[in-house]
Amino acid sequence: MTSVRYPHISSGYIGQENISATLNAQFYAKLITAIKCDEIDMGSFLHLPQRIPRAGLFDEMSANETKEFRQQFSSIIIYLIEQQASAYKTLSTDANRKNVRSFINWSNLLMRYGQLDVINHQVIHSHRVPNELELKILIETNNIEKLLSAGKPISIKRFIEIYQEYKFSKTCSSREMVMLLNRIIVYYYRYRINDIDAVTISQIINNLLMLLDNFNDGSFSNMIYSSVAFRGLAMVDKYDIEEQIKFLLQAELLAKNVSYENQLEKIIAQENLYTCFQSLYKWYLNKNTDLARKYLNEIISIDPHDSTGHSEQGLFYFSLDMHNEAASCFKTALDLGPPGVALNAYYYAKCLEELGQHQDAILHLNKSAQLDKQAISPWLDLLVYYKKMNDSKKICQTRDHILSTPVLLEQLEADEIKEIQITCY
């Protein structure tokens, strides 16, 4: 048994099962175990969690985890890369449906392990292959996730080109087209991209609605994809509020009525329901506090060991000046681990400050600063604290650290830098 610091999340990504792990961690633990025991056919259709972690999650995990975890995680990555390379080699020789599906599955798994640089761009052949549209969606999704992980702006021009190429095609499945249209809509509205004209996005929305009319046949796969698509449609701001919430509630209804046949499908169904609750919470956040609280509690109920829900709840209470409740949530999130350990430490410190627990606040501001070397906020707050305490030594140490650290300095305005420079004099 590998020793890990955050068993609720880290254990799953190295194939170590833990009944008190997050939904995603449980899924990957079961999947990796099943793959290594030859209990999963990677040449068959495989559902994976919708949430694609940013590469930063694994950087954070690696930085804060044990040496044993890092070694085991590296071993898993090497294994996945080798399997994907083997699948690509087989696909290049014989592009039948099973071989294409195997490559897609290994690539999707690698993408969810933060390995965004190893998806092979040479997979698109000049001739038609089974699931060719899904292959193109995979590659372009990977390209966008790389940009998002690096904090760079994204474009969906390539997705629009793919749409234009396949919109009248009879070679792709309805599932692939639902995937494509939903992906375009989500990226377009979530990131407010301007590289698509109004007529085209309107066509895409209408085409998705028409597809969904005949798409849901009650199967596990189609109900999941339908639920995901209705969540995407709820982001379309050309609809009025009543229509948008109707889409969200339809997504929730589908998510609640999915029938599954095994443990992996059960986790996927729960993960989809979790994402629905998350969308509904965000929808009601500034519209109806009671309903926002209801869906926030649903998020935590369905995945109690995921720090994200507790962190969201902390922010919710913090915005209402309920600092005792917020502190408890941030402390729980902090103990559960990534993502956002440094952020949770920071907000826990801010709650402690509001509660008058200043020494503990300083302790956690320092913890936040150590966990995230690029964050300026904890250092500025520490500087304020040390000034109040008239601790000239720590004032000067903090000032010198800020001024000598380029990544911190570049986050400050000229007048802020000048003010810090004269500190201690």
Protein backbone atom coordinates (compact mmCIF):
# COMPACT_ATOMS: atom_id res chain seq x y z
CA MET A 1 0.00 0.00 0.00
CA THR A 2 1.56 3.27 -1.15
CA SER A 3 1.73 5.97 1.52
CA VAL A 4 -0.07 9.15 0.37
CA ARG A 5 -0.76 12.48 2.04
CA TYR A 6 -4.19 12.97 0.48
CA PRO A 7 -5.82 9.51 0.32
CA HIS A 8 -9.20 10.96 -0.68
CA ILE A 9 -7.89 11.94 -4.12
CA SER A 10 -4.28 10.90 -4.71
CA SER A 11 -4.81 7.21 -4.05
CA GLY A 12 -7.21 6.82 -6.97
CA TYR A 13 -4.80 8.12 -9.58
CA ILE A 14 -2.30 5.38 -8.70
CA GLY A 15 -4.89 2.61 -8.81
CA GLN A 16 -5.23 2.32 -5.03
CA GLU A 17 -8.88 1.84 -4.05
CA ASN A 18 -10.33 3.80 -1.14
CA ILE A 19 -14.03 3.80 -0.27
CA SER A 20 -13.74 7.33 1.13
CA ALA A 21 -12.23 8.76 -2.05
CA THR A 22 -13.74 11.27 -4.45
CA LEU A 23 -15.91 9.98 -7.28
CA ASN A 24 -13.16 10.54 -9.82
CA ALA A 25 -10.52 8.92 -7.60
CA GLN A 26 -12.77 5.88 -7.11
CA PHE A 27 -13.32 5.64 -10.85
CA TYR A 28 -9.64 5.74 -11.80
CA ALA A 29 -8.67 3.31 -9.04
CA LYS A 30 -11.23 0.78 -10.26
CA LEU A 31 -10.38 1.37 -13.92
CA ILE A 32 -6.60 1.06 -13.52
CA THR A 33 -7.05 -2.10 -11.45
CA ALA A 34 -9.43 -3.59 -14.03
CA ILE A 35 -7.09 -2.71 -16.92
CA LYS A 36 -4.10 -4.35 -15.27
CA CYS A 37 -6.18 -7.45 -14.51
CA ASP A 38 -7.38 -7.59 -18.16
CA GLU A 39 -10.97 -7.10 -17.04
CA ILE A 40 -11.55 -4.14 -19.40
CA ASP A 41 -11.57 -4.33 -23.19
CA MET A 42 -10.00 -1.05 -24.31
CA GLY A 43 -11.23 -1.78 -27.83
CA SER A 44 -14.83 -1.35 -26.67
CA PHE A 45 -16.68 1.86 -25.86
CA LEU A 46 -15.56 3.24 -22.52
CA HIS A 47 -17.20 6.07 -20.57
CA LEU A 48 -14.84 8.36 -18.70
CA PRO A 49 -15.61 11.21 -16.28
CA GLN A 50 -16.59 14.45 -18.02
CA ARG A 51 -14.36 16.67 -15.91
CA ILE A 52 -10.92 16.94 -17.52
CA PRO A 53 -8.54 18.12 -14.79
CA ARG A 54 -6.20 20.97 -15.62
CA ALA A 55 -2.58 19.89 -15.72
CA GLY A 56 -2.07 22.10 -12.67
CA LEU A 57 -3.98 19.61 -10.51
CA PHE A 58 -1.24 17.03 -11.00
CA ASP A 59 1.50 19.61 -10.49
CA GLU A 60 -0.15 20.54 -7.20
CA MET A 61 -0.60 16.90 -6.26
CA SER A 62 3.00 16.05 -7.08
CA ALA A 63 4.38 19.06 -5.19
CA ASN A 64 2.47 18.24 -2.00
CA GLU A 65 2.39 14.45 -2.10
CA THR A 66 4.84 11.83 -0.82
CA LYS A 67 7.87 10.53 -2.70
CA GLU A 68 6.13 7.14 -2.86
CA PHE A 69 3.14 8.69 -4.59
CA ARG A 70 5.31 10.50 -7.14
CA GLN A 71 7.13 7.27 -8.00
CA GLN A 72 3.90 5.30 -8.36
CA PHE A 73 2.21 8.06 -10.36
CA SER A 74 5.19 8.24 -12.75
CA SER A 75 4.96 4.49 -13.19
CA ILE A 76 1.26 4.75 -14.10
CA ILE A 77 1.96 7.54 -16.61
CA ILE A 78 4.72 5.52 -18.28
CA TYR A 79 2.36 2.56 -18.53
CA LEU A 80 -0.44 4.65 -20.07
CA ILE A 81 1.90 6.30 -22.58
CA GLU A 82 3.27 2.92 -23.63
CA GLN A 83 -0.23 1.53 -24.08
CA GLN A 84 -1.34 4.53 -26.11
CA ALA A 85 1.77 4.30 -28.31
CA SER A 86 1.08 0.61 -28.89
CA ALA A 87 -2.56 1.38 -29.73
CA TYR A 88 -1.45 4.03 -32.22
CA LYS A 89 0.99 1.63 -33.89
CA THR A 90 -1.76 -0.96 -34.24
CA LEU A 91 -4.19 1.66 -35.54
CA SER A 92 -1.66 2.82 -38.15
CA THR A 93 -1.46 -0.72 -39.47
CA ASP A 94 -5.15 -1.61 -39.33
CA ALA A 95 -7.64 1.22 -38.76
CA ASN A 96 -10.62 -0.96 -37.87
CA ARG A 97 -13.28 0.08 -35.36
CA LYS A 98 -11.79 -1.81 -32.42
CA ASN A 99 -8.30 -0.36 -32.96
CA VAL A 100 -9.63 3.18 -33.34
CA ARG A 101 -11.67 2.79 -30.17
CA SER A 102 -8.63 1.49 -28.27
CA PHE A 103 -6.58 4.53 -29.28
CA ILE A 104 -9.41 6.90 -28.33
CA ASN A 105 -9.77 5.26 -24.91
CA TRP A 106 -6.05 5.36 -24.07
CA SER A 107 -5.79 8.96 -25.30
CA ASN A 108 -8.82 10.11 -23.32
CA LEU A 109 -7.39 8.46 -20.23
CA LEU A 110 -4.05 10.20 -20.72
CA MET A 111 -5.84 13.54 -21.15
CA ARG A 112 -7.56 13.00 -17.80
CA TYR A 113 -4.18 12.28 -16.24
CA GLY A 114 -2.95 15.70 -17.33
CA GLN A 115 -0.72 14.33 -20.08
CA LEU A 116 -1.77 16.84 -22.72
CA ASP A 117 1.45 16.72 -24.73
CA VAL A 118 1.38 13.07 -25.73
CA ILE A 119 -1.79 12.84 -27.83
CA ASN A 120 -0.51 11.85 -31.27
CA HIS A 121 -1.57 14.38 -33.89
CA GLN A 122 -0.69 12.05 -36.76
CA VAL A 123 -3.69 9.85 -36.05
CA ILE A 124 -5.93 11.53 -38.63
CA HIS A 125 -5.51 9.53 -41.80
CA SER A 126 -6.23 10.77 -45.28
CA HIS A 127 -8.86 8.07 -45.72
CA ARG A 128 -12.03 7.52 -43.72
CA VAL A 129 -11.73 5.52 -40.50
CA PRO A 130 -14.38 4.48 -37.97
CA ASN A 131 -15.17 7.20 -35.42
CA GLU A 132 -13.10 9.68 -37.41
CA LEU A 133 -15.16 12.61 -36.11
CA GLU A 134 -14.59 11.52 -32.51
CA LEU A 135 -10.86 11.34 -33.19
CA LYS A 136 -10.87 14.92 -34.43
CA ILE A 137 -12.92 16.04 -31.43
CA LEU A 138 -10.40 14.33 -29.16
CA ILE A 139 -7.41 16.05 -30.73
CA GLU A 140 -8.97 19.53 -30.79
CA THR A 141 -10.27 19.15 -27.22
CA ASN A 142 -6.75 18.21 -26.17
CA ASN A 143 -5.35 21.29 -27.94
CA ILE A 144 -7.81 23.57 -26.14
CA GLU A 145 -7.23 21.93 -22.76
CA LYS A 146 -3.49 22.54 -23.19
CA LEU A 147 -4.13 26.24 -23.75
CA LEU A 148 -6.53 26.45 -20.81
CA SER A 149 -4.05 24.69 -18.53
CA ALA A 150 -1.41 27.23 -19.55
CA GLY A 151 -3.81 30.13 -18.94
CA LYS A 152 -3.78 31.12 -22.61
CA PRO A 153 -6.72 32.30 -24.78
CA ILE A 154 -8.44 29.68 -26.88
CA SER A 155 -10.02 29.56 -30.31
CA ILE A 156 -12.76 27.29 -31.64
CA LYS A 157 -12.06 27.98 -35.32
CA ARG A 158 -10.84 24.43 -35.83
CA PHE A 159 -14.00 23.07 -34.21
CA ILE A 160 -16.08 25.18 -36.60
CA GLU A 161 -14.11 23.78 -39.54
CA ILE A 162 -14.82 20.27 -38.29
CA TYR A 163 -18.52 21.14 -37.97
CA GLN A 164 -18.64 22.48 -41.54
CA GLU A 165 -16.93 19.31 -42.78
CA TYR A 166 -19.30 16.89 -41.05
CA LYS A 167 -22.66 18.69 -40.75
CA PHE A 168 -24.08 16.86 -43.78
CA SER A 169 -22.04 13.69 -43.35
CA LYS A 170 -23.71 10.31 -43.06
CA THR A 171 -20.50 8.64 -41.86
CA CYS A 172 -20.61 9.97 -38.29
CA SER A 173 -22.96 8.88 -35.52
CA SER A 174 -25.53 11.03 -33.74
CA ARG A 175 -23.48 10.62 -30.57
CA GLU A 176 -20.39 12.08 -32.23
CA MET A 177 -22.38 15.02 -33.59
CA VAL A 178 -23.96 15.69 -30.18
CA MET A 179 -20.44 15.66 -28.70
CA LEU A 180 -19.17 18.11 -31.32
CA LEU A 181 -22.07 20.58 -31.15
CA ASN A 182 -22.11 20.59 -27.36
CA ARG A 183 -18.35 21.10 -27.17
CA ILE A 184 -18.59 24.15 -29.46
CA ILE A 185 -21.48 25.65 -27.48
CA VAL A 186 -19.78 25.16 -24.10
CA TYR A 187 -16.44 26.63 -25.20
CA TYR A 188 -18.16 29.51 -27.00
CA TYR A 189 -20.34 30.62 -24.08
CA ARG A 190 -18.05 29.73 -21.19
CA TYR A 191 -15.05 31.59 -22.59
CA ARG A 192 -16.93 34.25 -24.58
CA ILE A 193 -15.09 33.55 -27.82
CA ASN A 194 -15.65 35.90 -30.75
CA ASP A 195 -14.25 33.83 -33.62
CA ILE A 196 -17.62 32.52 -34.83
CA ASP A 197 -20.46 34.43 -36.49
CA ALA A 198 -23.93 34.66 -34.99
CA VAL A 199 -25.57 32.72 -37.84
CA THR A 200 -23.26 29.73 -37.44
CA ILE A 201 -23.61 29.48 -33.65
CA SER A 202 -27.39 29.76 -34.06
CA GLN A 203 -27.32 26.89 -36.59
CA ILE A 204 -25.25 24.79 -34.20
CA ILE A 205 -27.69 25.40 -31.33
CA ASN A 206 -30.71 24.54 -33.50
CA ASN A 207 -29.01 21.43 -34.89
CA LEU A 208 -28.26 20.19 -31.37
CA LEU A 209 -31.87 20.70 -30.30
CA MET A 210 -33.13 18.76 -33.34
CA LEU A 211 -30.68 15.94 -32.69
CA LEU A 212 -31.76 15.67 -29.06
CA ASP A 213 -35.41 15.26 -30.07
CA ASN A 214 -34.66 11.75 -31.36
CA PHE A 215 -31.41 10.98 -29.57
CA ASN A 216 -32.42 9.81 -26.11
CA ASP A 217 -33.34 6.12 -26.43
CA GLY A 218 -33.08 5.37 -22.70
CA SER A 219 -29.63 3.83 -22.95
CA PHE A 220 -26.99 4.72 -20.37
CA SER A 221 -24.74 6.36 -22.96
CA ASN A 222 -27.36 8.49 -24.66
CA MET A 223 -28.93 9.65 -21.41
CA ILE A 224 -25.54 10.82 -20.16
CA TYR A 225 -24.79 12.64 -23.43
CA SER A 226 -28.29 14.17 -23.47
CA SER A 227 -27.90 15.41 -19.92
CA VAL A 228 -24.53 16.96 -20.77
CA ALA A 229 -25.98 18.59 -23.90
CA PHE A 230 -28.90 20.19 -22.06
CA ARG A 231 -26.45 21.70 -19.58
CA GLY A 232 -24.60 23.18 -22.54
CA LEU A 233 -27.80 24.61 -24.00
CA ALA A 234 -28.56 26.28 -20.65
CA MET A 235 -25.49 28.45 -21.25
CA VAL A 236 -27.00 29.99 -24.40
CA ASP A 237 -27.87 33.55 -23.45
CA LYS A 238 -30.19 34.17 -26.38
CA TYR A 239 -32.78 32.20 -24.39
CA ASP A 240 -34.67 33.85 -21.57
CA ILE A 241 -34.19 32.79 -17.94
CA GLU A 242 -37.22 30.45 -17.98
CA GLU A 243 -35.89 28.56 -21.00
CA GLN A 244 -32.38 28.28 -19.57
CA ILE A 245 -33.56 26.86 -16.25
CA LYS A 246 -35.82 24.48 -18.17
CA PHE A 247 -32.73 23.09 -19.93
CA LEU A 248 -30.90 22.73 -16.61
CA LEU A 249 -33.80 20.94 -14.96
CA GLN A 250 -34.07 18.62 -17.97
CA ALA A 251 -30.36 17.83 -17.58
CA GLU A 252 -30.96 17.08 -13.89
CA LEU A 253 -33.98 14.88 -14.63
CA LEU A 254 -32.01 12.82 -17.14
CA ALA A 255 -29.08 12.53 -14.73
CA LYS A 256 -31.33 11.27 -11.93
CA ASN A 257 -32.95 8.63 -14.12
CA VAL A 258 -29.87 7.03 -15.69
CA SER A 259 -29.77 3.25 -15.29
CA TYR A 260 -26.30 1.72 -14.92
CA GLU A 261 -25.03 -1.86 -15.12
CA ASN A 262 -21.74 -1.83 -13.21
CA GLN A 263 -19.71 0.13 -10.66
CA LEU A 264 -17.86 2.19 -13.25
CA GLU A 265 -21.11 3.27 -14.88
CA LYS A 266 -22.56 4.05 -11.45
CA ILE A 267 -19.68 6.42 -10.72
CA ILE A 268 -20.05 8.07 -14.14
CA ALA A 269 -23.78 8.57 -13.46
CA GLN A 270 -23.05 10.09 -10.04
CA GLU A 271 -20.33 12.30 -11.50
CA ASN A 272 -22.77 13.58 -14.13
CA LEU A 273 -25.36 14.29 -11.45
CA TYR A 274 -22.68 16.10 -9.41
CA THR A 275 -21.94 18.33 -12.41
CA CYS A 276 -25.66 19.05 -12.83
CA PHE A 277 -25.93 20.08 -9.18
CA GLN A 278 -22.86 22.28 -9.62
CA SER A 279 -24.43 24.00 -12.65
CA LEU A 280 -27.70 24.55 -10.79
CA TYR A 281 -25.86 25.94 -7.75
CA LYS A 282 -24.03 28.46 -9.93
CA TRP A 283 -27.27 29.32 -11.72
CA TYR A 284 -29.12 30.12 -8.48
CA LEU A 285 -26.16 31.70 -6.68
CA ASN A 286 -27.18 35.29 -7.40
CA LYS A 287 -30.87 34.58 -7.93
CA ASN A 288 -32.13 32.46 -5.03
CA THR A 289 -29.96 31.93 -1.94
CA ASP A 290 -32.09 29.08 -0.56
CA LEU A 291 -31.98 27.08 -3.80
CA ALA A 292 -28.26 27.80 -4.19
CA ARG A 293 -27.70 26.40 -0.69
CA LYS A 294 -29.86 23.36 -1.53
CA TYR A 295 -27.79 22.45 -4.58
CA LEU A 296 -24.56 23.19 -2.76
CA ASN A 297 -25.56 20.65 -0.12
CA GLU A 298 -26.43 18.18 -2.90
CA ILE A 299 -22.92 18.60 -4.35
CA ILE A 300 -21.31 17.76 -1.02
CA SER A 301 -23.74 14.93 -0.33
CA ILE A 302 -22.97 13.14 -3.60
CA ASP A 303 -19.17 13.58 -3.39
CA PRO A 304 -18.34 14.38 0.26
CA HIS A 305 -14.61 13.75 -0.07
CA ASP A 306 -14.07 16.17 -2.97
CA SER A 307 -12.54 19.39 -1.65
CA THR A 308 -14.18 21.42 -4.44
CA GLY A 309 -17.67 21.27 -2.91
CA HIS A 310 -16.46 22.27 0.54
CA SER A 311 -14.43 25.12 -0.95
CA GLU A 312 -17.50 26.34 -2.88
CA GLN A 313 -19.52 26.17 0.33
CA GLY A 314 -16.83 28.14 2.14
CA LEU A 315 -16.97 30.89 -0.49
CA PHE A 316 -20.77 30.87 -0.26
CA TYR A 317 -20.74 31.43 3.52
CA PHE A 318 -17.84 33.91 3.27
CA SER A 319 -19.91 36.07 0.88
CA LEU A 320 -22.66 36.12 3.52
CA ASP A 321 -20.19 37.11 6.27
CA MET A 322 -20.83 33.77 8.01
CA HIS A 323 -17.19 33.39 8.95
CA ASN A 324 -17.51 30.56 11.48
CA GLU A 325 -19.31 28.37 8.93
CA ALA A 326 -16.94 29.43 6.14
CA ALA A 327 -13.88 28.62 8.28
CA SER A 328 -15.17 25.10 8.93
CA CYS A 329 -15.71 24.52 5.19
CA PHE A 330 -12.28 25.81 4.18
CA LYS A 331 -10.61 23.73 6.91
CA THR A 332 -12.36 20.60 5.60
CA ALA A 333 -11.36 21.44 2.01
CA LEU A 334 -7.79 22.06 3.13
CA ASP A 335 -7.59 18.68 4.87
CA LEU A 336 -9.07 16.83 1.88
CA GLY A 337 -6.38 18.15 -0.45
CA PRO A 338 -6.18 19.26 -4.10
CA PRO A 339 -7.37 21.08 -6.05
CA GLY A 340 -6.84 24.54 -4.60
CA VAL A 341 -5.00 23.70 -1.36
CA ALA A 342 -3.25 27.09 -1.31
CA LEU A 343 -6.50 28.94 -2.05
CA ASN A 344 -8.31 27.10 0.74
CA ALA A 345 -5.48 27.87 3.17
CA TYR A 346 -5.72 31.54 2.20
CA TYR A 347 -9.47 31.82 2.71
CA TYR A 348 -9.25 29.85 5.93
CA ALA A 349 -6.73 32.46 7.11
CA LYS A 350 -9.10 35.28 6.09
CA CYS A 351 -11.90 33.67 8.10
CA LEU A 352 -9.62 33.32 11.13
CA GLU A 353 -8.71 36.98 10.75
CA GLU A 354 -12.39 37.95 10.82
CA LEU A 355 -12.85 35.76 13.91
CA GLY A 356 -9.98 37.47 15.70
CA GLN A 357 -7.69 34.41 15.64
CA HIS A 358 -4.72 36.36 14.33
CA GLN A 359 -1.82 34.00 15.12
CA ASP A 360 -3.55 31.12 13.36
CA ALA A 361 -4.40 33.47 10.49
CA ILE A 362 -0.72 34.37 10.08
CA LEU A 363 0.20 30.68 10.23
CA HIS A 364 -2.17 29.83 7.37
CA LEU A 365 -1.22 32.87 5.30
CA ASN A 366 2.35 31.57 5.45
CA LYS A 367 1.09 28.11 4.56
CA SER A 368 -0.80 29.48 1.57
CA ALA A 369 2.27 31.40 0.40
CA GLN A 370 4.41 28.26 0.60
CA LEU A 371 1.86 26.14 -1.22
CA ASP A 372 1.47 28.60 -4.11
CA LYS A 373 4.75 30.36 -4.87
CA GLN A 374 3.04 32.58 -7.46
CA ALA A 375 0.30 34.02 -5.24
CA ILE A 376 0.82 37.64 -4.18
CA SER A 377 -2.23 37.99 -1.88
CA PRO A 378 -0.89 36.08 1.15
CA TRP A 379 2.36 38.07 1.07
CA LEU A 380 0.52 41.39 0.97
CA ASP A 381 -1.70 40.30 3.86
CA LEU A 382 1.32 39.17 5.84
CA LEU A 383 2.95 42.56 5.26
CA VAL A 384 -0.16 44.27 6.68
CA TYR A 385 -0.13 41.96 9.71
CA TYR A 386 3.56 42.53 10.46
CA LYS A 387 3.08 46.29 10.19
CA LYS A 388 0.28 46.11 12.76
CA MET A 389 2.56 44.06 15.01
CA ASN A 390 5.50 46.50 14.51
CA ASP A 391 7.69 43.48 13.72
CA SER A 392 10.38 45.30 11.73
CA LYS A 393 12.38 42.14 11.01
CA LYS A 394 9.47 40.30 9.40
CA ILE A 395 8.31 43.45 7.64
CA CYS A 396 11.67 43.78 5.92
CA GLN A 397 11.92 40.04 5.17
CA THR A 398 8.47 40.05 3.58
CA ARG A 399 9.17 43.25 1.63
CA ASP A 400 12.49 41.90 0.33
CA HIS A 401 10.90 38.61 -0.71
CA ILE A 402 8.18 40.38 -2.72
CA LEU A 403 10.61 42.77 -4.41
CA SER A 404 13.08 40.00 -5.28
CA THR A 405 10.50 37.58 -6.70
CA PRO A 406 9.63 38.47 -10.34
CA VAL A 407 6.41 36.42 -10.45
CA LEU A 408 5.10 38.37 -7.45
CA LEU A 409 6.41 41.74 -8.57
CA GLU A 410 4.74 41.56 -11.97
CA GLN A 411 1.32 41.29 -10.30
CA LEU A 412 1.67 44.71 -8.68
CA GLU A 413 0.91 48.20 -9.99
CA ALA A 414 3.68 50.82 -9.97
CA ASP A 415 2.23 52.68 -6.99
CA GLU A 416 1.94 49.42 -5.02
CA ILE A 417 5.58 48.62 -5.71
CA LYS A 418 6.62 52.11 -4.62
CA GLU A 419 4.68 51.75 -1.37
CA ILE A 420 6.33 48.41 -0.63
CA GLN A 421 9.77 49.78 -1.48
CA ILE A 422 9.58 52.47 1.20
CA THR A 423 8.48 49.96 3.84
CA CYS A 424 11.07 49.62 6.66
CA TYR A 425 12.47 53.11 6.09
